[in-house]
Amino acid sequence: MTHGSLDKAGKVRRRTEEQKRRLGIEKKERTSPTPRINNRIKFRKRVKQGQKKGQSRQW
């Protein structure tokens, strides 16, 4: 059993992107890494390098 018709999948999203393109609205580039990459970086710092939370005090 499926929930909804598969031939309708993605039509609304495709239509929205076409309308935005027609209006001249461009996509924004990501400034931060994707969550998967960001979590990998945080894991490496926390577990492998043993860094603590917060800013380090340098004085």
C-alpha atoms as a PDB file:
ATOM      1  CA  MET A   1       0.000   0.000   0.000  1.00  0.00           C
ATOM      2  CA  THR A   2       1.186   3.473  -0.798  1.00  0.00           C
ATOM      3  CA  HIS A   3       0.199   6.780   0.720  1.00  0.00           C
ATOM      4  CA  GLY A   4      -0.732   8.882  -2.262  1.00  0.00           C
ATOM      5  CA  SER A   5      -0.070   8.709  -5.945  1.00  0.00           C
ATOM      6  CA  LEU A   6       3.527   8.307  -7.082  1.00  0.00           C
ATOM      7  CA  ASP A   7       2.883  10.024 -10.424  1.00  0.00           C
ATOM      8  CA  LYS A   8       2.144  13.257  -8.519  1.00  0.00           C
ATOM      9  CA  ALA A   9       5.402  13.155  -6.558  1.00  0.00           C
ATOM     10  CA  GLY A  10       7.497  16.318  -6.791  1.00  0.00           C
ATOM     11  CA  LYS A  11       5.071  18.327  -8.933  1.00  0.00           C
ATOM     12  CA  VAL A  12       4.522  21.127  -6.418  1.00  0.00           C
ATOM     13  CA  ARG A  13       8.216  21.555  -5.695  1.00  0.00           C
ATOM     14  CA  ARG A  14       9.101  21.602  -9.385  1.00  0.00           C
ATOM     15  CA  ARG A  15       6.361  24.161 -10.050  1.00  0.00           C
ATOM     16  CA  THR A  16       7.582  26.402  -7.197  1.00  0.00           C
ATOM     17  CA  GLU A  17      11.164  26.362  -8.488  1.00  0.00           C
ATOM     18  CA  GLU A  18       9.964  27.298 -11.986  1.00  0.00           C
ATOM     19  CA  GLN A  19       7.932  30.215 -10.627  1.00  0.00           C
ATOM     20  CA  LYS A  20      10.844  31.496  -8.533  1.00  0.00           C
ATOM     21  CA  ARG A  21      13.141  31.302 -11.561  1.00  0.00           C
ATOM     22  CA  ARG A  22      10.569  33.211 -13.620  1.00  0.00           C
ATOM     23  CA  LEU A  23      10.438  35.964 -10.953  1.00  0.00           C
ATOM     24  CA  GLY A  24      14.235  36.212 -10.907  1.00  0.00           C
ATOM     25  CA  ILE A  25      14.708  34.823  -7.406  1.00  0.00           C
ATOM     26  CA  GLU A  26      18.040  32.998  -7.199  1.00  0.00           C
ATOM     27  CA  LYS A  27      19.075  30.276  -4.747  1.00  0.00           C
ATOM     28  CA  LYS A  28      21.261  31.294  -1.818  1.00  0.00           C
ATOM     29  CA  GLU A  29      24.552  29.497  -1.408  1.00  0.00           C
ATOM     30  CA  ARG A  30      25.068  27.671   1.893  1.00  0.00           C
ATOM     31  CA  THR A  31      27.380  29.508   4.259  1.00  0.00           C
ATOM     32  CA  SER A  32      27.754  26.675   6.754  1.00  0.00           C
ATOM     33  CA  PRO A  33      28.495  23.033   5.975  1.00  0.00           C
ATOM     34  CA  THR A  34      25.643  20.545   5.764  1.00  0.00           C
ATOM     35  CA  PRO A  35      24.560  18.988   9.101  1.00  0.00           C
ATOM     36  CA  ARG A  36      26.254  15.661   8.273  1.00  0.00           C
ATOM     37  CA  ILE A  37      29.612  17.348   7.671  1.00  0.00           C
ATOM     38  CA  ASN A  38      29.139  19.753  10.597  1.00  0.00           C
ATOM     39  CA  ASN A  39      28.447  16.868  13.015  1.00  0.00           C
ATOM     40  CA  ARG A  40      31.518  15.024  11.731  1.00  0.00           C
ATOM     41  CA  ILE A  41      33.689  18.092  12.430  1.00  0.00           C
ATOM     42  CA  LYS A  42      32.195  18.490  15.923  1.00  0.00           C
ATOM     43  CA  PHE A  43      32.746  14.779  16.682  1.00  0.00           C
ATOM     44  CA  ARG A  44      36.373  14.980  15.585  1.00  0.00           C
ATOM     45  CA  LYS A  45      37.003  18.003  17.820  1.00  0.00           C
ATOM     46  CA  ARG A  46      35.127  16.574  20.815  1.00  0.00           C
ATOM     47  CA  VAL A  47      36.209  12.929  20.825  1.00  0.00           C
ATOM     48  CA  LYS A  48      39.428  12.629  18.876  1.00  0.00           C
ATOM     49  CA  GLN A  49      41.038  15.935  19.834  1.00  0.00           C
ATOM     50  CA  GLY A  50      39.483  16.146  23.311  1.00  0.00           C
ATOM     51  CA  GLN A  51      38.419  19.780  23.090  1.00  0.00           C
ATOM     52  CA  LYS A  52      35.932  21.160  25.604  1.00  0.00           C
ATOM     53  CA  LYS A  53      32.867  23.292  24.895  1.00  0.00           C
ATOM     54  CA  GLY A  54      33.079  27.077  24.722  1.00  0.00           C
ATOM     55  CA  GLN A  55      35.828  29.478  23.821  1.00  0.00           C
ATOM     56  CA  SER A  56      39.315  28.804  25.049  1.00  0.00           C
ATOM     57  CA  ARG A  57      40.758  31.446  27.383  1.00  0.00           C
ATOM     58  CA  GLN A  58      43.957  32.881  26.010  1.00  0.00           C
ATOM     59  CA  TRP A  59      45.456  35.459  28.403  1.00  0.00           C
END
